[in-house]
Amino acid sequence: TNSPYILMNGTLSETATQIRTLGEMLGVKDHADGLADYAERVLTATHNIAQKRGAEKPLKVYSARGADGLETGLAGSIHTEVLEWVGATNAAQDAGENLMTRVSMEQLMLWQPDVIITLDENFYQEIGKNPLWQRIKAVQEGRIYKAPKLPFGWLDQPPSFNRLLGASWLSHVLYPELMPAERYNKAVIEYYARFYQHYLSEEALISLTTGA
């Protein structure tokens, strides 16, 4: 196309660097520095937060994608990077690396994840009614969570700056004693103010994070 472009490292750990680089290119360095500082604070607070629980074994988490929940990201996949960033164990980590894949119910029964997360509303509503899924530990214990996705998915879709929200959300969902509600809510409110110039009311915050 003969159009100039830049291809940047899209990994979660490089978020602050990405923001600062874009700020310099677009001539808005001061604004970008504020966003990058926020990104660094969130990433520092959430990185391997599971390890702060001491000797307790990290939770095994399955990222259920697609309408039937049988698509997931393997170890190192950008789509499950938030999960691995907070120090949880990807239930699919031994099935391969760096890709998305389809899995079977038989495989899930062998993995027996402690927690299931999804972005799909229909799957979230139906999983508890499905007798096959009821044989999974996470379903039996009611540890199924639908990640928020406004205005973009917080865990991916796309895998961009919005994952900063996902890092705070997942830390709060999995380890609420380490990311209590007050701290989590503050992080979400600040993100919306800084990145979207939108100031969330208490009611809007509840609706946003619970889907109510």
C-alpha atoms as a PDB file:
ATOM      1  CA  THR A   1       0.000   0.000   0.000  1.00  0.00           C
ATOM      2  CA  ASN A   2       3.083   2.258   0.292  1.00  0.00           C
ATOM      3  CA  SER A   3       1.728   3.416   3.661  1.00  0.00           C
ATOM      4  CA  PRO A   4       4.175   3.788   6.574  1.00  0.00           C
ATOM      5  CA  TYR A   5       3.461   1.558   9.565  1.00  0.00           C
ATOM      6  CA  ILE A   6       5.000   0.340  12.789  1.00  0.00           C
ATOM      7  CA  LEU A   7       4.764  -3.181  14.192  1.00  0.00           C
ATOM      8  CA  MET A   8       5.095  -3.252  17.979  1.00  0.00           C
ATOM      9  CA  ASN A   9       5.661  -5.976  20.523  1.00  0.00           C
ATOM     10  CA  GLY A  10       2.135  -6.749  21.739  1.00  0.00           C
ATOM     11  CA  THR A  11       2.982  -8.699  24.879  1.00  0.00           C
ATOM     12  CA  LEU A  12       1.285  -7.684  28.110  1.00  0.00           C
ATOM     13  CA  SER A  13       4.567  -7.090  29.922  1.00  0.00           C
ATOM     14  CA  GLU A  14       5.558  -4.475  27.304  1.00  0.00           C
ATOM     15  CA  THR A  15       2.338  -2.449  27.621  1.00  0.00           C
ATOM     16  CA  ALA A  16       3.932   0.609  29.226  1.00  0.00           C
ATOM     17  CA  THR A  17       6.711   0.670  26.621  1.00  0.00           C
ATOM     18  CA  GLN A  18       4.152   0.385  23.815  1.00  0.00           C
ATOM     19  CA  ILE A  19       2.212   3.345  25.183  1.00  0.00           C
ATOM     20  CA  ARG A  20       5.281   5.528  25.612  1.00  0.00           C
ATOM     21  CA  THR A  21       6.514   4.727  22.102  1.00  0.00           C
ATOM     22  CA  LEU A  22       3.140   5.599  20.589  1.00  0.00           C
ATOM     23  CA  GLY A  23       2.980   8.789  22.633  1.00  0.00           C
ATOM     24  CA  GLU A  24       6.296   9.984  21.267  1.00  0.00           C
ATOM     25  CA  MET A  25       5.319   9.102  17.691  1.00  0.00           C
ATOM     26  CA  LEU A  26       1.973  10.904  17.972  1.00  0.00           C
ATOM     27  CA  GLY A  27       3.365  13.952  19.757  1.00  0.00           C
ATOM     28  CA  VAL A  28       1.452  13.387  23.012  1.00  0.00           C
ATOM     29  CA  LYS A  29       4.291  12.305  25.278  1.00  0.00           C
ATOM     30  CA  ASP A  30       2.919  13.783  28.514  1.00  0.00           C
ATOM     31  CA  HIS A  31      -0.444  12.103  28.100  1.00  0.00           C
ATOM     32  CA  ALA A  32       1.191   8.814  27.164  1.00  0.00           C
ATOM     33  CA  ASP A  33       3.466   8.966  30.206  1.00  0.00           C
ATOM     34  CA  GLY A  34       0.397   9.150  32.455  1.00  0.00           C
ATOM     35  CA  LEU A  35      -1.144   6.104  30.790  1.00  0.00           C
ATOM     36  CA  ALA A  36       2.145   4.214  30.934  1.00  0.00           C
ATOM     37  CA  ASP A  37       2.586   4.999  34.633  1.00  0.00           C
ATOM     38  CA  TYR A  38      -0.870   3.546  35.271  1.00  0.00           C
ATOM     39  CA  ALA A  39       0.005   0.443  33.243  1.00  0.00           C
ATOM     40  CA  GLU A  40       3.194  -0.084  35.241  1.00  0.00           C
ATOM     41  CA  ARG A  41       1.314   0.177  38.541  1.00  0.00           C
ATOM     42  CA  VAL A  42      -1.315  -2.364  37.471  1.00  0.00           C
ATOM     43  CA  LEU A  43       1.218  -4.801  36.059  1.00  0.00           C
ATOM     44  CA  THR A  44       3.385  -4.586  39.163  1.00  0.00           C
ATOM     45  CA  ALA A  45       0.407  -5.121  41.464  1.00  0.00           C
ATOM     46  CA  THR A  46      -0.915  -8.136  39.564  1.00  0.00           C
ATOM     47  CA  HIS A  47       2.210  -9.935  38.347  1.00  0.00           C
ATOM     48  CA  ASN A  48       2.355 -13.400  39.935  1.00  0.00           C
ATOM     49  CA  ILE A  49      -0.111 -12.287  42.570  1.00  0.00           C
ATOM     50  CA  ALA A  50      -0.894 -15.974  43.157  1.00  0.00           C
ATOM     51  CA  GLN A  51       2.594 -16.486  44.593  1.00  0.00           C
ATOM     52  CA  LYS A  52       1.825 -14.030  47.378  1.00  0.00           C
ATOM     53  CA  ARG A  53      -0.366 -16.703  48.929  1.00  0.00           C
ATOM     54  CA  GLY A  54       2.788 -18.504  50.007  1.00  0.00           C
ATOM     55  CA  ALA A  55       2.976 -22.255  49.637  1.00  0.00           C
ATOM     56  CA  GLU A  56      -0.633 -22.666  48.498  1.00  0.00           C
ATOM     57  CA  LYS A  57      -0.857 -24.241  45.073  1.00  0.00           C
ATOM     58  CA  PRO A  58      -1.915 -21.799  42.279  1.00  0.00           C
ATOM     59  CA  LEU A  59      -5.419 -22.272  40.939  1.00  0.00           C
ATOM     60  CA  LYS A  60      -5.769 -24.246  37.710  1.00  0.00           C
ATOM     61  CA  VAL A  61      -7.831 -22.109  35.340  1.00  0.00           C
ATOM     62  CA  TYR A  62      -9.464 -23.088  32.057  1.00  0.00           C
ATOM     63  CA  SER A  63     -10.167 -20.322  29.540  1.00  0.00           C
ATOM     64  CA  ALA A  64     -13.338 -21.431  27.748  1.00  0.00           C
ATOM     65  CA  ARG A  65     -13.762 -19.854  24.333  1.00  0.00           C
ATOM     66  CA  GLY A  66     -16.366 -20.272  21.624  1.00  0.00           C
ATOM     67  CA  ALA A  67     -20.053 -21.066  21.878  1.00  0.00           C
ATOM     68  CA  ASP A  68     -19.440 -24.507  23.377  1.00  0.00           C
ATOM     69  CA  GLY A  69     -16.456 -23.590  25.557  1.00  0.00           C
ATOM     70  CA  LEU A  70     -14.197 -26.197  23.940  1.00  0.00           C
ATOM     71  CA  GLU A  71     -11.708 -23.804  22.395  1.00  0.00           C
ATOM     72  CA  THR A  72      -8.843 -22.501  24.500  1.00  0.00           C
ATOM     73  CA  GLY A  73      -5.420 -20.906  24.429  1.00  0.00           C
ATOM     74  CA  LEU A  74      -2.351 -23.054  25.053  1.00  0.00           C
ATOM     75  CA  ALA A  75       0.698 -22.161  27.127  1.00  0.00           C
ATOM     76  CA  GLY A  76       2.220 -18.894  25.953  1.00  0.00           C
ATOM     77  CA  SER A  77      -0.803 -17.926  23.870  1.00  0.00           C
ATOM     78  CA  ILE A  78      -1.452 -14.188  23.772  1.00  0.00           C
ATOM     79  CA  HIS A  79      -5.106 -15.039  24.448  1.00  0.00           C
ATOM     80  CA  THR A  80      -4.322 -16.491  27.887  1.00  0.00           C
ATOM     81  CA  GLU A  81      -1.475 -14.134  28.730  1.00  0.00           C
ATOM     82  CA  VAL A  82      -3.433 -12.388  31.505  1.00  0.00           C
ATOM     83  CA  LEU A  83      -4.132 -15.719  33.184  1.00  0.00           C
ATOM     84  CA  GLU A  84      -0.449 -16.594  33.215  1.00  0.00           C
ATOM     85  CA  TRP A  85       0.554 -13.043  34.181  1.00  0.00           C
ATOM     86  CA  VAL A  86      -1.274 -13.227  37.523  1.00  0.00           C
ATOM     87  CA  GLY A  87       0.394 -16.553  38.259  1.00  0.00           C
ATOM     88  CA  ALA A  88      -2.537 -18.916  37.825  1.00  0.00           C
ATOM     89  CA  THR A  89      -1.937 -22.248  36.088  1.00  0.00           C
ATOM     90  CA  ASN A  90      -3.348 -22.599  32.586  1.00  0.00           C
ATOM     91  CA  ALA A  91      -5.276 -25.891  32.607  1.00  0.00           C
ATOM     92  CA  ALA A  92      -4.211 -26.425  28.977  1.00  0.00           C
ATOM     93  CA  GLN A  93      -0.521 -25.729  29.543  1.00  0.00           C
ATOM     94  CA  ASP A  94       0.546 -29.308  28.793  1.00  0.00           C
ATOM     95  CA  ALA A  95      -1.397 -29.546  25.517  1.00  0.00           C
ATOM     96  CA  GLY A  96       1.033 -27.480  23.445  1.00  0.00           C
ATOM     97  CA  GLU A  97       2.289 -23.919  23.125  1.00  0.00           C
ATOM     98  CA  ASN A  98       1.487 -20.537  21.605  1.00  0.00           C
ATOM     99  CA  LEU A  99      -1.701 -21.480  19.761  1.00  0.00           C
ATOM    100  CA  MET A 100      -5.442 -21.809  20.078  1.00  0.00           C
ATOM    101  CA  THR A 101      -6.861 -25.309  19.987  1.00  0.00           C
ATOM    102  CA  ARG A 102     -10.013 -27.399  20.335  1.00  0.00           C
ATOM    103  CA  VAL A 103     -10.224 -29.740  23.300  1.00  0.00           C
ATOM    104  CA  SER A 104     -12.564 -32.585  24.212  1.00  0.00           C
ATOM    105  CA  MET A 105     -14.749 -33.039  27.257  1.00  0.00           C
ATOM    106  CA  GLU A 106     -12.683 -36.119  28.065  1.00  0.00           C
ATOM    107  CA  GLN A 107      -9.558 -33.975  28.233  1.00  0.00           C
ATOM    108  CA  LEU A 108     -11.283 -31.440  30.455  1.00  0.00           C
ATOM    109  CA  MET A 109     -12.369 -34.193  32.811  1.00  0.00           C
ATOM    110  CA  LEU A 110      -8.741 -35.239  33.117  1.00  0.00           C
ATOM    111  CA  TRP A 111      -7.571 -31.678  33.721  1.00  0.00           C
ATOM    112  CA  GLN A 112     -10.333 -30.887  36.264  1.00  0.00           C
ATOM    113  CA  PRO A 113      -9.758 -27.112  36.413  1.00  0.00           C
ATOM    114  CA  ASP A 114     -10.482 -25.260  39.661  1.00  0.00           C
ATOM    115  CA  VAL A 115     -11.915 -22.273  37.796  1.00  0.00           C
ATOM    116  CA  ILE A 116     -13.476 -21.655  34.375  1.00  0.00           C
ATOM    117  CA  ILE A 117     -13.503 -18.211  32.783  1.00  0.00           C
ATOM    118  CA  THR A 118     -15.293 -17.222  29.588  1.00  0.00           C
ATOM    119  CA  LEU A 119     -16.242 -14.191  27.512  1.00  0.00           C
ATOM    120  CA  ASP A 120     -19.251 -15.886  25.912  1.00  0.00           C
ATOM    121  CA  GLU A 121     -22.594 -14.953  27.483  1.00  0.00           C
ATOM    122  CA  ASN A 122     -24.534 -17.912  26.062  1.00  0.00           C
ATOM    123  CA  PHE A 123     -21.954 -20.437  27.193  1.00  0.00           C
ATOM    124  CA  TYR A 124     -21.881 -18.833  30.632  1.00  0.00           C
ATOM    125  CA  GLN A 125     -25.662 -19.190  30.942  1.00  0.00           C
ATOM    126  CA  GLU A 126     -25.757 -22.792  29.745  1.00  0.00           C
ATOM    127  CA  ILE A 127     -22.703 -24.431  31.293  1.00  0.00           C
ATOM    128  CA  GLY A 128     -24.342 -25.142  34.632  1.00  0.00           C
ATOM    129  CA  LYS A 129     -27.250 -26.919  32.928  1.00  0.00           C
ATOM    130  CA  ASN A 130     -25.106 -29.261  30.866  1.00  0.00           C
ATOM    131  CA  PRO A 131     -24.694 -32.700  32.525  1.00  0.00           C
ATOM    132  CA  LEU A 132     -21.288 -33.221  30.927  1.00  0.00           C
ATOM    133  CA  TRP A 133     -19.903 -29.949  32.270  1.00  0.00           C
ATOM    134  CA  GLN A 134     -21.338 -30.775  35.686  1.00  0.00           C
ATOM    135  CA  ARG A 135     -18.647 -33.437  35.953  1.00  0.00           C
ATOM    136  CA  ILE A 136     -15.978 -30.723  36.032  1.00  0.00           C
ATOM    137  CA  LYS A 137     -14.755 -29.592  39.456  1.00  0.00           C
ATOM    138  CA  ALA A 138     -15.084 -25.880  38.700  1.00  0.00           C
ATOM    139  CA  VAL A 139     -18.738 -26.313  37.690  1.00  0.00           C
ATOM    140  CA  GLN A 140     -19.535 -28.440  40.722  1.00  0.00           C
ATOM    141  CA  GLU A 141     -18.121 -25.742  42.982  1.00  0.00           C
ATOM    142  CA  GLY A 142     -19.726 -22.854  41.092  1.00  0.00           C
ATOM    143  CA  ARG A 143     -16.401 -21.283  40.150  1.00  0.00           C
ATOM    144  CA  ILE A 144     -17.411 -20.076  36.692  1.00  0.00           C
ATOM    145  CA  TYR A 145     -16.816 -16.442  35.796  1.00  0.00           C
ATOM    146  CA  LYS A 146     -17.758 -14.356  32.772  1.00  0.00           C
ATOM    147  CA  ALA A 147     -15.122 -11.737  32.062  1.00  0.00           C
ATOM    148  CA  PRO A 148     -16.416  -8.221  31.351  1.00  0.00           C
ATOM    149  CA  LYS A 149     -16.067  -7.072  27.753  1.00  0.00           C
ATOM    150  CA  LEU A 150     -17.087  -3.433  27.485  1.00  0.00           C
ATOM    151  CA  PRO A 151     -16.066  -1.651  25.423  1.00  0.00           C
ATOM    152  CA  PHE A 152     -13.593  -4.442  24.554  1.00  0.00           C
ATOM    153  CA  GLY A 153     -12.900  -7.853  26.035  1.00  0.00           C
ATOM    154  CA  TRP A 154     -10.891  -7.526  29.234  1.00  0.00           C
ATOM    155  CA  LEU A 155      -8.852 -10.699  28.638  1.00  0.00           C
ATOM    156  CA  ASP A 156      -8.459 -10.367  24.883  1.00  0.00           C
ATOM    157  CA  GLN A 157     -10.695  -9.567  21.890  1.00  0.00           C
ATOM    158  CA  PRO A 158      -8.429  -7.786  21.162  1.00  0.00           C
ATOM    159  CA  PRO A 159      -5.284  -8.560  23.177  1.00  0.00           C
ATOM    160  CA  SER A 160      -4.304  -4.921  23.719  1.00  0.00           C
ATOM    161  CA  PHE A 161      -4.243  -2.282  26.467  1.00  0.00           C
ATOM    162  CA  ASN A 162      -7.689  -3.454  27.604  1.00  0.00           C
ATOM    163  CA  ARG A 163      -5.934  -6.411  29.218  1.00  0.00           C
ATOM    164  CA  LEU A 164      -4.852  -4.097  32.026  1.00  0.00           C
ATOM    165  CA  LEU A 165      -8.479  -4.263  33.146  1.00  0.00           C
ATOM    166  CA  GLY A 166      -8.337  -8.037  32.825  1.00  0.00           C
ATOM    167  CA  ALA A 167      -5.261  -8.263  35.044  1.00  0.00           C
ATOM    168  CA  SER A 168      -7.067  -6.399  37.828  1.00  0.00           C
ATOM    169  CA  TRP A 169     -10.316  -8.312  37.299  1.00  0.00           C
ATOM    170  CA  LEU A 170      -8.739 -11.767  37.261  1.00  0.00           C
ATOM    171  CA  SER A 171      -6.627 -10.974  40.325  1.00  0.00           C
ATOM    172  CA  HIS A 172      -9.771  -9.905  42.156  1.00  0.00           C
ATOM    173  CA  VAL A 173     -11.826 -12.923  41.040  1.00  0.00           C
ATOM    174  CA  LEU A 174      -9.172 -15.518  41.829  1.00  0.00           C
ATOM    175  CA  TYR A 175      -7.522 -13.915  44.847  1.00  0.00           C
ATOM    176  CA  PRO A 176      -9.933 -11.400  46.433  1.00  0.00           C
ATOM    177  CA  GLU A 177      -7.950 -11.333  49.654  1.00  0.00           C
ATOM    178  CA  LEU A 178      -4.959  -9.999  47.691  1.00  0.00           C
ATOM    179  CA  MET A 179      -6.955  -7.744  45.330  1.00  0.00           C
ATOM    180  CA  PRO A 180      -9.878  -6.588  47.506  1.00  0.00           C
ATOM    181  CA  ALA A 181     -12.931  -4.915  46.000  1.00  0.00           C
ATOM    182  CA  GLU A 182     -11.935  -1.377  46.976  1.00  0.00           C
ATOM    183  CA  ARG A 183      -8.559  -1.647  45.273  1.00  0.00           C
ATOM    184  CA  TYR A 184     -10.015  -3.388  42.239  1.00  0.00           C
ATOM    185  CA  ASN A 185     -12.813  -0.848  41.804  1.00  0.00           C
ATOM    186  CA  LYS A 186     -10.324   2.006  42.037  1.00  0.00           C
ATOM    187  CA  ALA A 187      -8.200   0.455  39.289  1.00  0.00           C
ATOM    188  CA  VAL A 188     -11.193   0.060  36.966  1.00  0.00           C
ATOM    189  CA  ILE A 189     -12.459   3.591  37.564  1.00  0.00           C
ATOM    190  CA  GLU A 190      -9.017   5.061  36.932  1.00  0.00           C
ATOM    191  CA  TYR A 191      -8.582   3.055  33.730  1.00  0.00           C
ATOM    192  CA  TYR A 192     -11.865   4.327  32.278  1.00  0.00           C
ATOM    193  CA  ALA A 193     -11.013   7.890  33.219  1.00  0.00           C
ATOM    194  CA  ARG A 194      -7.508   7.764  31.767  1.00  0.00           C
ATOM    195  CA  PHE A 195      -8.015   5.675  28.642  1.00  0.00           C
ATOM    196  CA  TYR A 196     -11.614   6.511  27.696  1.00  0.00           C
ATOM    197  CA  GLN A 197     -12.164   9.864  29.459  1.00  0.00           C
ATOM    198  CA  HIS A 198     -15.280   8.311  30.929  1.00  0.00           C
ATOM    199  CA  TYR A 199     -16.074   8.637  34.624  1.00  0.00           C
ATOM    200  CA  LEU A 200     -17.934   5.638  35.991  1.00  0.00           C
ATOM    201  CA  SER A 201     -20.694   6.056  38.562  1.00  0.00           C
ATOM    202  CA  GLU A 202     -21.052   3.407  41.262  1.00  0.00           C
ATOM    203  CA  GLU A 203     -24.062   1.965  39.428  1.00  0.00           C
ATOM    204  CA  ALA A 204     -22.221   1.881  36.116  1.00  0.00           C
ATOM    205  CA  LEU A 205     -19.250   0.161  37.731  1.00  0.00           C
ATOM    206  CA  ILE A 206     -21.451  -2.583  39.180  1.00  0.00           C
ATOM    207  CA  SER A 207     -23.248  -3.095  35.864  1.00  0.00           C
ATOM    208  CA  LEU A 208     -19.982  -3.131  33.941  1.00  0.00           C
ATOM    209  CA  THR A 209     -18.250  -5.738  36.082  1.00  0.00           C
ATOM    210  CA  THR A 210     -21.210  -8.010  36.841  1.00  0.00           C
ATOM    211  CA  GLY A 211     -23.250  -7.748  33.655  1.00  0.00           C
ATOM    212  CA  ALA A 212     -26.263  -6.771  35.743  1.00  0.00           C
END
